[in-house]
Structures are given as C-alpha cells and as structure tokens.
PDB file of N, CA and C in Angstrom:
ATOM      1  N   MET A   1      10.317 -29.386   6.783  1.00  0.00           N
ATOM      2  CA  MET A   1       9.060 -28.672   6.905  1.00  0.00           C
ATOM      3  C   MET A   1       9.216 -27.317   6.224  1.00  0.00           C
ATOM      4  N   GLY A   2       8.188 -26.871   5.554  1.00  0.00           N
ATOM      5  CA  GLY A   2       8.220 -25.614   4.820  1.00  0.00           C
ATOM      6  C   GLY A   2       7.894 -24.412   5.683  1.00  0.00           C
ATOM      7  N   ARG A   3       7.561 -23.362   4.998  1.00  0.00           N
ATOM      8  CA  ARG A   3       7.228 -22.109   5.667  1.00  0.00           C
ATOM      9  C   ARG A   3       5.784 -21.763   5.371  1.00  0.00           C
ATOM     10  N   LEU A   4       5.200 -20.981   6.263  1.00  0.00           N
ATOM     11  CA  LEU A   4       3.916 -20.350   6.007  1.00  0.00           C
ATOM     12  C   LEU A   4       4.238 -18.941   5.542  1.00  0.00           C
ATOM     13  N   VAL A   5       3.796 -18.594   4.338  1.00  0.00           N
ATOM     14  CA  VAL A   5       4.057 -17.281   3.760  1.00  0.00           C
ATOM     15  C   VAL A   5       2.708 -16.583   3.607  1.00  0.00           C
ATOM     16  N   VAL A   6       2.534 -15.459   4.312  1.00  0.00           N
ATOM     17  CA  VAL A   6       1.272 -14.735   4.273  1.00  0.00           C
ATOM     18  C   VAL A   6       1.483 -13.438   3.493  1.00  0.00           C
ATOM     19  N   ALA A   7       0.739 -13.309   2.402  1.00  0.00           N
ATOM     20  CA  ALA A   7       0.775 -12.102   1.580  1.00  0.00           C
ATOM     21  C   ALA A   7      -0.504 -11.330   1.860  1.00  0.00           C
ATOM     22  N   LEU A   8      -0.378 -10.095   2.321  1.00  0.00           N
ATOM     23  CA  LEU A   8      -1.536  -9.269   2.664  1.00  0.00           C
ATOM     24  C   LEU A   8      -1.814  -8.261   1.564  1.00  0.00           C
ATOM     25  N   ASP A   9      -3.051  -8.203   1.120  1.00  0.00           N
ATOM     26  CA  ASP A   9      -3.474  -7.187   0.161  1.00  0.00           C
ATOM     27  C   ASP A   9      -3.399  -5.828   0.855  1.00  0.00           C
ATOM     28  N   ALA A  10      -2.839  -4.839   0.195  1.00  0.00           N
ATOM     29  CA  ALA A  10      -2.681  -3.506   0.784  1.00  0.00           C
ATOM     30  C   ALA A  10      -4.018  -2.889   1.184  1.00  0.00           C
ATOM     31  N   GLY A  11      -5.106  -3.230   0.509  1.00  0.00           N
ATOM     32  CA  GLY A  11      -6.416  -2.675   0.823  1.00  0.00           C
ATOM     33  C   GLY A  11      -7.052  -3.243   2.071  1.00  0.00           C
ATOM     34  N   LEU A  12      -6.413  -4.205   2.697  1.00  0.00           N
ATOM     35  CA  LEU A  12      -6.963  -4.846   3.881  1.00  0.00           C
ATOM     36  C   LEU A  12      -6.923  -3.950   5.113  1.00  0.00           C
ATOM     37  N   GLY A  13      -5.982  -3.021   5.145  1.00  0.00           N
ATOM     38  CA  GLY A  13      -5.867  -2.136   6.306  1.00  0.00           C
ATOM     39  C   GLY A  13      -4.991  -2.696   7.404  1.00  0.00           C
ATOM     40  N   VAL A  14      -4.206  -3.713   7.094  1.00  0.00           N
ATOM     41  CA  VAL A  14      -3.266  -4.300   8.048  1.00  0.00           C
ATOM     42  C   VAL A  14      -1.915  -4.390   7.351  1.00  0.00           C
ATOM     43  N   SER A  15      -0.901  -3.847   7.976  1.00  0.00           N
ATOM     44  CA  SER A  15       0.433  -3.914   7.380  1.00  0.00           C
ATOM     45  C   SER A  15       1.083  -5.247   7.737  1.00  0.00           C
ATOM     46  N   PRO A  16       2.052  -5.672   6.942  1.00  0.00           N
ATOM     47  CA  PRO A  16       2.790  -6.888   7.296  1.00  0.00           C
ATOM     48  C   PRO A  16       3.464  -6.773   8.668  1.00  0.00           C
ATOM     49  N   GLU A  17       3.929  -5.577   9.009  1.00  0.00           N
ATOM     50  CA  GLU A  17       4.548  -5.369  10.323  1.00  0.00           C
ATOM     51  C   GLU A  17       3.542  -5.601  11.439  1.00  0.00           C
ATOM     52  N   GLU A  18       2.308  -5.120  11.240  1.00  0.00           N
ATOM     53  CA  GLU A  18       1.263  -5.316  12.256  1.00  0.00           C
ATOM     54  C   GLU A  18       0.895  -6.789  12.391  1.00  0.00           C
ATOM     55  N   LEU A  19       0.789  -7.492  11.281  1.00  0.00           N
ATOM     56  CA  LEU A  19       0.457  -8.911  11.360  1.00  0.00           C
ATOM     57  C   LEU A  19       1.596  -9.690  12.015  1.00  0.00           C
ATOM     58  N   ALA A  20       2.839  -9.378  11.669  1.00  0.00           N
ATOM     59  CA  ALA A  20       3.983 -10.064  12.280  1.00  0.00           C
ATOM     60  C   ALA A  20       4.001  -9.827  13.790  1.00  0.00           C
ATOM     61  N   ALA A  21       3.716  -8.605  14.221  1.00  0.00           N
ATOM     62  CA  ALA A  21       3.676  -8.295  15.655  1.00  0.00           C
ATOM     63  C   ALA A  21       2.539  -9.049  16.338  1.00  0.00           C
ATOM     64  N   ALA A  22       1.360  -9.093  15.694  1.00  0.00           N
ATOM     65  CA  ALA A  22       0.222  -9.841  16.255  1.00  0.00           C
ATOM     66  C   ALA A  22       0.562 -11.324  16.348  1.00  0.00           C
ATOM     67  N   TRP A  23       1.246 -11.853  15.319  1.00  0.00           N
ATOM     68  CA  TRP A  23       1.650 -13.263  15.319  1.00  0.00           C
ATOM     69  C   TRP A  23       2.576 -13.541  16.503  1.00  0.00           C
ATOM     70  N   ASP A  24       3.600 -12.719  16.659  1.00  0.00           N
ATOM     71  CA  ASP A  24       4.580 -12.945  17.716  1.00  0.00           C
ATOM     72  C   ASP A  24       4.009 -12.710  19.113  1.00  0.00           C
ATOM     73  N   ALA A  25       2.921 -11.950  19.216  1.00  0.00           N
ATOM     74  CA  ALA A  25       2.289 -11.690  20.514  1.00  0.00           C
ATOM     75  C   ALA A  25       1.287 -12.778  20.898  1.00  0.00           C
ATOM     76  N   ASP A  26       0.927 -13.618  19.958  1.00  0.00           N
ATOM     77  CA  ASP A  26      -0.073 -14.664  20.202  1.00  0.00           C
ATOM     78  C   ASP A  26       0.631 -15.970  20.564  1.00  0.00           C
ATOM     79  N   GLU A  27       0.283 -16.528  21.725  1.00  0.00           N
ATOM     80  CA  GLU A  27       0.969 -17.728  22.217  1.00  0.00           C
ATOM     81  C   GLU A  27       0.817 -18.915  21.259  1.00  0.00           C
ATOM     82  N   GLN A  28      -0.398 -19.152  20.762  1.00  0.00           N
ATOM     83  CA  GLN A  28      -0.637 -20.268  19.848  1.00  0.00           C
ATOM     84  C   GLN A  28       0.187 -20.112  18.570  1.00  0.00           C
ATOM     85  N   ALA A  29       0.200 -18.910  18.013  1.00  0.00           N
ATOM     86  CA  ALA A  29       0.942 -18.658  16.776  1.00  0.00           C
ATOM     87  C   ALA A  29       2.447 -18.776  17.011  1.00  0.00           C
ATOM     88  N   ARG A  30       2.911 -18.210  18.098  1.00  0.00           N
ATOM     89  CA  ARG A  30       4.342 -18.210  18.406  1.00  0.00           C
ATOM     90  C   ARG A  30       4.894 -19.627  18.556  1.00  0.00           C
ATOM     91  N   GLU A  31       4.054 -20.566  19.025  1.00  0.00           N
ATOM     92  CA  GLU A  31       4.497 -21.954  19.157  1.00  0.00           C
ATOM     93  C   GLU A  31       4.814 -22.585  17.802  1.00  0.00           C
ATOM     94  N   LEU A  32       4.222 -22.064  16.736  1.00  0.00           N
ATOM     95  CA  LEU A  32       4.454 -22.591  15.393  1.00  0.00           C
ATOM     96  C   LEU A  32       5.750 -22.068  14.783  1.00  0.00           C
ATOM     97  N   GLY A  33       6.204 -20.905  15.249  1.00  0.00           N
ATOM     98  CA  GLY A  33       7.424 -20.300  14.726  1.00  0.00           C
ATOM     99  C   GLY A  33       7.308 -18.787  14.760  1.00  0.00           C
ATOM    100  N   GLY A  34       8.433 -18.107  14.778  1.00  0.00           N
ATOM    101  CA  GLY A  34       8.452 -16.651  14.805  1.00  0.00           C
ATOM    102  C   GLY A  34       8.231 -16.060  13.427  1.00  0.00           C
ATOM    103  N   ALA A  35       7.585 -14.907  13.395  1.00  0.00           N
ATOM    104  CA  ALA A  35       7.283 -14.225  12.127  1.00  0.00           C
ATOM    105  C   ALA A  35       8.428 -13.306  11.728  1.00  0.00           C
ATOM    106  N   ALA A  36       8.692 -13.249  10.440  1.00  0.00           N
ATOM    107  CA  ALA A  36       9.697 -12.343   9.885  1.00  0.00           C
ATOM    108  C   ALA A  36       9.117 -11.726   8.622  1.00  0.00           C
ATOM    109  N   LEU A  37       9.643 -10.575   8.239  1.00  0.00           N
ATOM    110  CA  LEU A  37       9.200  -9.912   7.012  1.00  0.00           C
ATOM    111  C   LEU A  37      10.168 -10.218   5.884  1.00  0.00           C
ATOM    112  N   GLU A  38       9.615 -10.303   4.684  1.00  0.00           N
ATOM    113  CA  GLU A  38      10.429 -10.609   3.509  1.00  0.00           C
ATOM    114  C   GLU A  38       9.839  -9.873   2.309  1.00  0.00           C
ATOM    115  N   GLU A  39      10.687  -9.375   1.454  1.00  0.00           N
ATOM    116  CA  GLU A  39      10.230  -8.741   0.216  1.00  0.00           C
ATOM    117  C   GLU A  39       9.733  -9.826  -0.731  1.00  0.00           C
ATOM    118  N   PRO A  40       8.600  -9.608  -1.396  1.00  0.00           N
ATOM    119  CA  PRO A  40       8.127 -10.625  -2.342  1.00  0.00           C
ATOM    120  C   PRO A  40       8.972 -10.623  -3.616  1.00  0.00           C
ATOM    121  N   PRO A  41       9.191 -11.803  -4.173  1.00  0.00           N
ATOM    122  CA  PRO A  41       9.865 -11.844  -5.475  1.00  0.00           C
ATOM    123  C   PRO A  41       8.982 -11.139  -6.503  1.00  0.00           C
ATOM    124  N   SER A  42       9.571 -10.410  -7.402  1.00  0.00           N
ATOM    125  CA  SER A  42       8.778  -9.651  -8.368  1.00  0.00           C
ATOM    126  C   SER A  42       7.903 -10.573  -9.202  1.00  0.00           C
ATOM    127  N   SER A  43       6.698 -10.118  -9.472  1.00  0.00           N
ATOM    128  CA  SER A  43       5.691 -10.761 -10.311  1.00  0.00           C
ATOM    129  C   SER A  43       5.220 -12.128  -9.818  1.00  0.00           C
ATOM    130  N   GLU A  44       5.623 -12.533  -8.622  1.00  0.00           N
ATOM    131  CA  GLU A  44       5.210 -13.846  -8.152  1.00  0.00           C
ATOM    132  C   GLU A  44       3.925 -13.771  -7.318  1.00  0.00           C
ATOM    133  N   TYR A  45       3.609 -12.608  -6.804  1.00  0.00           N
ATOM    134  CA  TYR A  45       2.440 -12.433  -5.952  1.00  0.00           C
ATOM    135  C   TYR A  45       1.560 -11.329  -6.524  1.00  0.00           C
ATOM    136  N   ILE A  46       0.448 -11.100  -5.853  1.00  0.00           N
ATOM    137  CA  ILE A  46      -0.447 -10.050  -6.331  1.00  0.00           C
ATOM    138  C   ILE A  46       0.251  -8.698  -6.253  1.00  0.00           C
ATOM    139  N   ALA A  47      -0.145  -7.792  -7.112  1.00  0.00           N
ATOM    140  CA  ALA A  47       0.564  -6.523  -7.301  1.00  0.00           C
ATOM    141  C   ALA A  47       0.567  -5.633  -6.066  1.00  0.00           C
ATOM    142  N   ASP A  48      -0.478  -5.646  -5.244  1.00  0.00           N
ATOM    143  CA  ASP A  48      -0.564  -4.732  -4.107  1.00  0.00           C
ATOM    144  C   ASP A  48       0.173  -5.219  -2.867  1.00  0.00           C
ATOM    145  N   VAL A  49       0.886  -6.318  -2.941  1.00  0.00           N
ATOM    146  CA  VAL A  49       1.622  -6.835  -1.797  1.00  0.00           C
ATOM    147  C   VAL A  49       3.027  -6.234  -1.811  1.00  0.00           C
ATOM    148  N   VAL A  50       3.398  -5.568  -0.707  1.00  0.00           N
ATOM    149  CA  VAL A  50       4.709  -4.936  -0.642  1.00  0.00           C
ATOM    150  C   VAL A  50       5.677  -5.694   0.250  1.00  0.00           C
ATOM    151  N   ALA A  51       5.164  -6.556   1.124  1.00  0.00           N
ATOM    152  CA  ALA A  51       6.019  -7.378   1.983  1.00  0.00           C
ATOM    153  C   ALA A  51       5.246  -8.623   2.377  1.00  0.00           C
ATOM    154  N   LEU A  52       5.974  -9.650   2.736  1.00  0.00           N
ATOM    155  CA  LEU A  52       5.381 -10.914   3.140  1.00  0.00           C
ATOM    156  C   LEU A  52       5.690 -11.172   4.600  1.00  0.00           C
ATOM    157  N   VAL A  53       4.786 -11.838   5.297  1.00  0.00           N
ATOM    158  CA  VAL A  53       5.050 -12.322   6.641  1.00  0.00           C
ATOM    159  C   VAL A  53       5.380 -13.798   6.477  1.00  0.00           C
ATOM    160  N   VAL A  54       6.572 -14.185   6.934  1.00  0.00           N
ATOM    161  CA  VAL A  54       7.053 -15.545   6.734  1.00  0.00           C
ATOM    162  C   VAL A  54       7.280 -16.205   8.087  1.00  0.00           C
ATOM    163  N   ILE A  55       6.707 -17.409   8.256  1.00  0.00           N
ATOM    164  CA  ILE A  55       6.850 -18.157   9.492  1.00  0.00           C
ATOM    165  C   ILE A  55       7.415 -19.526   9.149  1.00  0.00           C
ATOM    166  N   PRO A  56       8.630 -19.836   9.597  1.00  0.00           N
ATOM    167  CA  PRO A  56       9.151 -21.193   9.392  1.00  0.00           C
ATOM    168  C   PRO A  56       8.364 -22.137  10.301  1.00  0.00           C
ATOM    169  N   LEU A  57       7.630 -23.075   9.732  1.00  0.00           N
ATOM    170  CA  LEU A  57       6.765 -23.947  10.523  1.00  0.00           C
ATOM    171  C   LEU A  57       7.557 -25.109  11.117  1.00  0.00           C
ATOM    172  N   ALA A  58       7.410 -25.280  12.425  1.00  0.00           N
ATOM    173  CA  ALA A  58       8.057 -26.391  13.108  1.00  0.00           C
ATOM    174  C   ALA A  58       7.184 -27.644  13.043  1.00  0.00           C
ATOM    175  N   VAL A  59       5.881 -27.459  12.818  1.00  0.00           N
ATOM    176  CA  VAL A  59       4.944 -28.588  12.750  1.00  0.00           C
ATOM    177  C   VAL A  59       4.020 -28.375  11.561  1.00  0.00           C
ATOM    178  N   ASN A  60       3.378 -29.450  11.132  1.00  0.00           N
ATOM    179  CA  ASN A  60       2.391 -29.358  10.065  1.00  0.00           C
ATOM    180  C   ASN A  60       1.082 -28.886  10.680  1.00  0.00           C
ATOM    181  N   LEU A  61       0.443 -27.928  10.086  1.00  0.00           N
ATOM    182  CA  LEU A  61      -0.790 -27.354  10.598  1.00  0.00           C
ATOM    183  C   LEU A  61      -1.859 -27.496   9.531  1.00  0.00           C
ATOM    184  N   ALA A  62      -3.022 -28.008   9.927  1.00  0.00           N
ATOM    185  CA  ALA A  62      -4.123 -28.187   8.973  1.00  0.00           C
ATOM    186  C   ALA A  62      -4.516 -26.848   8.367  1.00  0.00           C
ATOM    187  N   SER A  63      -4.955 -26.875   7.105  1.00  0.00           N
ATOM    188  CA  SER A  63      -5.334 -25.640   6.408  1.00  0.00           C
ATOM    189  C   SER A  63      -6.403 -24.872   7.162  1.00  0.00           C
ATOM    190  N   SER A  64      -7.434 -25.558   7.665  1.00  0.00           N
ATOM    191  CA  SER A  64      -8.513 -24.852   8.372  1.00  0.00           C
ATOM    192  C   SER A  64      -8.003 -24.176   9.634  1.00  0.00           C
ATOM    193  N   ALA A  65      -7.089 -24.813  10.343  1.00  0.00           N
ATOM    194  CA  ALA A  65      -6.512 -24.202  11.542  1.00  0.00           C
ATOM    195  C   ALA A  65      -5.667 -22.986  11.174  1.00  0.00           C
ATOM    196  N   THR A  66      -4.940 -23.078  10.058  1.00  0.00           N
ATOM    197  CA  THR A  66      -4.136 -21.951   9.594  1.00  0.00           C
ATOM    198  C   THR A  66      -5.034 -20.772   9.246  1.00  0.00           C
ATOM    199  N   TYR A  67      -6.115 -21.029   8.503  1.00  0.00           N
ATOM    200  CA  TYR A  67      -7.063 -19.968   8.129  1.00  0.00           C
ATOM    201  C   TYR A  67      -7.618 -19.293   9.378  1.00  0.00           C
ATOM    202  N   ASP A  68      -8.070 -20.103  10.348  1.00  0.00           N
ATOM    203  CA  ASP A  68      -8.665 -19.551  11.562  1.00  0.00           C
ATOM    204  C   ASP A  68      -7.670 -18.684  12.322  1.00  0.00           C
ATOM    205  N   LEU A  69      -6.435 -19.142  12.420  1.00  0.00           N
ATOM    206  CA  LEU A  69      -5.409 -18.384  13.131  1.00  0.00           C
ATOM    207  C   LEU A  69      -5.107 -17.070  12.412  1.00  0.00           C
ATOM    208  N   VAL A  70      -4.950 -17.101  11.101  1.00  0.00           N
ATOM    209  CA  VAL A  70      -4.666 -15.880  10.344  1.00  0.00           C
ATOM    210  C   VAL A  70      -5.843 -14.911  10.442  1.00  0.00           C
ATOM    211  N   ARG A  71      -7.076 -15.402  10.326  1.00  0.00           N
ATOM    212  CA  ARG A  71      -8.266 -14.536  10.476  1.00  0.00           C
ATOM    213  C   ARG A  71      -8.275 -13.845  11.831  1.00  0.00           C
ATOM    214  N   LYS A  72      -8.011 -14.611  12.889  1.00  0.00           N
ATOM    215  CA  LYS A  72      -7.999 -14.059  14.244  1.00  0.00           C
ATOM    216  C   LYS A  72      -6.944 -12.966  14.382  1.00  0.00           C
ATOM    217  N   LEU A  73      -5.757 -13.213  13.842  1.00  0.00           N
ATOM    218  CA  LEU A  73      -4.664 -12.250  13.994  1.00  0.00           C
ATOM    219  C   LEU A  73      -4.869 -11.008  13.138  1.00  0.00           C
ATOM    220  N   VAL A  74      -5.456 -11.153  11.960  1.00  0.00           N
ATOM    221  CA  VAL A  74      -5.777  -9.974  11.140  1.00  0.00           C
ATOM    222  C   VAL A  74      -6.790  -9.111  11.884  1.00  0.00           C
ATOM    223  N   ALA A  75      -7.797  -9.733  12.487  1.00  0.00           N
ATOM    224  CA  ALA A  75      -8.797  -8.968  13.255  1.00  0.00           C
ATOM    225  C   ALA A  75      -8.135  -8.251  14.430  1.00  0.00           C
ATOM    226  N   LYS A  76      -7.188  -8.908  15.114  1.00  0.00           N
ATOM    227  CA  LYS A  76      -6.472  -8.283  16.236  1.00  0.00           C
ATOM    228  C   LYS A  76      -5.624  -7.098  15.771  1.00  0.00           C
ATOM    229  N   ALA A  77      -5.079  -7.189  14.580  1.00  0.00           N
ATOM    230  CA  ALA A  77      -4.195  -6.143  14.065  1.00  0.00           C
ATOM    231  C   ALA A  77      -4.972  -4.943  13.548  1.00  0.00           C
ATOM    232  N   ARG A  78      -6.309  -5.001  13.577  1.00  0.00           N
ATOM    233  CA  ARG A  78      -7.168  -3.904  13.100  1.00  0.00           C
ATOM    234  C   ARG A  78      -7.934  -3.282  14.263  1.00  0.00           C
ATOM    235  N   PRO A  79      -7.262  -2.732  15.269  1.00  0.00           N
ATOM    236  CA  PRO A  79      -7.977  -2.220  16.443  1.00  0.00           C
ATOM    237  C   PRO A  79      -8.931  -1.067  16.129  1.00  0.00           C
ATOM    238  N   ALA A  80      -8.658  -0.306  15.105  1.00  0.00           N
ATOM    239  CA  ALA A  80      -9.536   0.812  14.745  1.00  0.00           C
ATOM    240  C   ALA A  80     -10.819   0.325  14.086  1.00  0.00           C
ATOM    241  N   LYS A  81     -10.823  -0.916  13.637  1.00  0.00           N
ATOM    242  CA  LYS A  81     -11.998  -1.505  12.992  1.00  0.00           C
ATOM    243  C   LYS A  81     -12.353  -2.782  13.748  1.00  0.00           C
ATOM    244  N   PRO A  82     -13.149  -2.670  14.817  1.00  0.00           N
ATOM    245  CA  PRO A  82     -13.390  -3.820  15.683  1.00  0.00           C
ATOM    246  C   PRO A  82     -14.171  -4.965  15.042  1.00  0.00           C
ATOM    247  N   GLU A  83     -14.947  -4.688  13.999  1.00  0.00           N
ATOM    248  CA  GLU A  83     -15.687  -5.782  13.365  1.00  0.00           C
ATOM    249  C   GLU A  83     -14.716  -6.667  12.592  1.00  0.00           C
ATOM    250  N   PRO A  84     -14.911  -7.982  12.663  1.00  0.00           N
ATOM    251  CA  PRO A  84     -14.001  -8.846  11.921  1.00  0.00           C
ATOM    252  C   PRO A  84     -14.164  -8.640  10.423  1.00  0.00           C
ATOM    253  N   PRO A  85     -13.083  -8.561   9.693  1.00  0.00           N
ATOM    254  CA  PRO A  85     -13.183  -8.350   8.252  1.00  0.00           C
ATOM    255  C   PRO A  85     -13.707  -9.597   7.556  1.00  0.00           C
ATOM    256  N   ASP A  86     -14.390  -9.397   6.461  1.00  0.00           N
ATOM    257  CA  ASP A  86     -14.827 -10.503   5.628  1.00  0.00           C
ATOM    258  C   ASP A  86     -13.658 -10.819   4.705  1.00  0.00           C
ATOM    259  N   LEU A  87     -12.902 -11.826   5.064  1.00  0.00           N
ATOM    260  CA  LEU A  87     -11.659 -12.112   4.354  1.00  0.00           C
ATOM    261  C   LEU A  87     -11.836 -13.197   3.306  1.00  0.00           C
ATOM    262  N   GLU A  88     -11.040 -13.062   2.275  1.00  0.00           N
ATOM    263  CA  GLU A  88     -10.877 -14.111   1.289  1.00  0.00           C
ATOM    264  C   GLU A  88      -9.428 -14.569   1.410  1.00  0.00           C
ATOM    265  N   ILE A  89      -9.243 -15.860   1.628  1.00  0.00           N
ATOM    266  CA  ILE A  89      -7.900 -16.407   1.773  1.00  0.00           C
ATOM    267  C   ILE A  89      -7.681 -17.423   0.666  1.00  0.00           C
ATOM    268  N   ILE A  90      -6.680 -17.160  -0.145  1.00  0.00           N
ATOM    269  CA  ILE A  90      -6.326 -18.051  -1.248  1.00  0.00           C
ATOM    270  C   ILE A  90      -5.099 -18.834  -0.818  1.00  0.00           C
ATOM    271  N   HIS A  91      -5.176 -20.137  -0.934  1.00  0.00           N
ATOM    272  CA  HIS A  91      -4.138 -21.034  -0.431  1.00  0.00           C
ATOM    273  C   HIS A  91      -3.446 -21.736  -1.600  1.00  0.00           C
ATOM    274  N   VAL A  92      -2.116 -21.697  -1.592  1.00  0.00           N
ATOM    275  CA  VAL A  92      -1.324 -22.376  -2.619  1.00  0.00           C
ATOM    276  C   VAL A  92      -0.190 -23.120  -1.918  1.00  0.00           C
ATOM    277  N   ASP A  93      -0.060 -24.411  -2.218  1.00  0.00           N
ATOM    278  CA  ASP A  93       1.082 -25.173  -1.723  1.00  0.00           C
ATOM    279  C   ASP A  93       2.128 -25.227  -2.829  1.00  0.00           C
ATOM    280  N   ARG A  94       3.356 -24.893  -2.487  1.00  0.00           N
ATOM    281  CA  ARG A  94       4.444 -24.914  -3.476  1.00  0.00           C
ATOM    282  C   ARG A  94       5.225 -26.210  -3.356  1.00  0.00           C
ATOM    283  N   ALA A  95       5.898 -26.584  -4.416  1.00  0.00           N
ATOM    284  CA  ALA A  95       6.681 -27.817  -4.455  1.00  0.00           C
ATOM    285  C   ALA A  95       7.802 -27.817  -3.415  1.00  0.00           C
ATOM    286  N   ASN A  96       8.286 -26.634  -3.045  1.00  0.00           N
ATOM    287  CA  ASN A  96       9.377 -26.553  -2.072  1.00  0.00           C
ATOM    288  C   ASN A  96       8.894 -26.709  -0.628  1.00  0.00           C
ATOM    289  N   GLY A  97       7.575 -26.934  -0.426  1.00  0.00           N
ATOM    290  CA  GLY A  97       7.036 -27.125   0.914  1.00  0.00           C
ATOM    291  C   GLY A  97       6.414 -25.884   1.516  1.00  0.00           C
ATOM    292  N   ASP A  98       6.570 -24.739   0.875  1.00  0.00           N
ATOM    293  CA  ASP A  98       5.962 -23.510   1.390  1.00  0.00           C
ATOM    294  C   ASP A  98       4.450 -23.554   1.207  1.00  0.00           C
ATOM    295  N   ARG A  99       3.730 -23.064   2.199  1.00  0.00           N
ATOM    296  CA  ARG A  99       2.283 -22.875   2.123  1.00  0.00           C
ATOM    297  C   ARG A  99       2.058 -21.369   2.025  1.00  0.00           C
ATOM    298  N   ILE A 100       1.497 -20.919   0.920  1.00  0.00           N
ATOM    299  CA  ILE A 100       1.287 -19.485   0.704  1.00  0.00           C
ATOM    300  C   ILE A 100      -0.187 -19.172   0.906  1.00  0.00           C
ATOM    301  N   LEU A 101      -0.447 -18.138   1.714  1.00  0.00           N
ATOM    302  CA  LEU A 101      -1.799 -17.631   1.913  1.00  0.00           C
ATOM    303  C   LEU A 101      -1.838 -16.189   1.441  1.00  0.00           C
ATOM    304  N   VAL A 102      -2.693 -15.896   0.490  1.00  0.00           N
ATOM    305  CA  VAL A 102      -2.929 -14.523   0.054  1.00  0.00           C
ATOM    306  C   VAL A 102      -4.216 -14.089   0.743  1.00  0.00           C
ATOM    307  N   VAL A 103      -4.122 -13.044   1.555  1.00  0.00           N
ATOM    308  CA  VAL A 103      -5.256 -12.589   2.356  1.00  0.00           C
ATOM    309  C   VAL A 103      -5.711 -11.240   1.828  1.00  0.00           C
ATOM    310  N   ARG A 104      -6.996 -11.161   1.497  1.00  0.00           N
ATOM    311  CA  ARG A 104      -7.538  -9.893   1.019  1.00  0.00           C
ATOM    312  C   ARG A 104      -8.976  -9.747   1.487  1.00  0.00           C
ATOM    313  N   GLN A 105      -9.432  -8.509   1.473  1.00  0.00           N
ATOM    314  CA  GLN A 105     -10.822  -8.199   1.819  1.00  0.00           C
ATOM    315  C   GLN A 105     -11.714  -8.755   0.725  1.00  0.00           C
ATOM    316  N   ARG A 106     -12.751  -9.490   1.124  1.00  0.00           N
ATOM    317  CA  ARG A 106     -13.680 -10.037   0.118  1.00  0.00           C
ATOM    318  C   ARG A 106     -14.398  -8.880  -0.561  1.00  0.00           C
ATOM    319  N   ARG A 107     -14.436  -8.913  -1.866  1.00  0.00           N
ATOM    320  CA  ARG A 107     -15.107  -7.873  -2.623  1.00  0.00           C
ATOM    321  C   ARG A 107     -16.562  -8.255  -2.826  1.00  0.00           C
ATOM    322  N   PRO A 108     -17.463  -7.282  -2.710  1.00  0.00           N
ATOM    323  CA  PRO A 108     -18.878  -7.593  -2.891  1.00  0.00           C
ATOM    324  C   PRO A 108     -19.146  -8.122  -4.305  1.00  0.00           C
ATOM    325  N   GLY A 109     -20.057  -9.059  -4.390  1.00  0.00           N
ATOM    326  CA  GLY A 109     -20.412  -9.631  -5.683  1.00  0.00           C
ATOM    327  C   GLY A 109     -21.255  -8.675  -6.509  1.00  0.00           C
ATOM    328  N   PRO A 110     -21.510  -9.042  -7.769  1.00  0.00           N
ATOM    329  CA  PRO A 110     -22.275  -8.166  -8.675  1.00  0.00           C
ATOM    330  C   PRO A 110     -23.705  -8.004  -8.259  1.00  0.00           C
TER     331      PRO A 110
END
C-alpha cells in the first residue's frame, strides 16, 4: 500500500505542521495512519510548497473520501478563519503507489 502525500499551497493559510496535527487529532484520519512531515523533492511539486504531510496508508481509501477528509482537516486547522475555504484539490496517482494531493485555495475565475 502506498502513501497519501498532501502538498499544501503556502497561500492557503495552513502550515504542514498544523495539518499534520489536525490529522493526528482526528480519530477517523488517525485510523488510516499517522502523519509525518517531509521535505519535497526539488522541482517535483508546486513552487510554494515547503513541506509535505505524508501518511502511510494502511487501507485503500476512495478518492472522494480522501478529499472530504482533507477538506475537513484543512478547515479545522484554520481556526482564525471559521468559514470553510473554497479548495482546489489536484490528485495524482504515482506508479510507486503514492497518492498525491495538492491542496490550494481556489482562485476566482476571469
């Protein structure tokens, strides 16, 4: 089984440390695996990502369930901004089994 790798856009207002803490504090998330921080490999992720939240998955989790869980935890990690953020989540499955989610604030359209 691969890992869930969450890359947070710096403009989101949630640090990787805050998301990892929210993940580990949530019973549903914790059952999937503990969160750890990891430096991103250079040029492999978006430029504003300074650290990754990595969860070794013990079970396979549907993409929609993963999105919902990450959205919930990002909202929890933003106590100063109680409204849920309008998130854009980009999902990439890697050949090595890793599921990568790039999470960023949705930018207004033209």
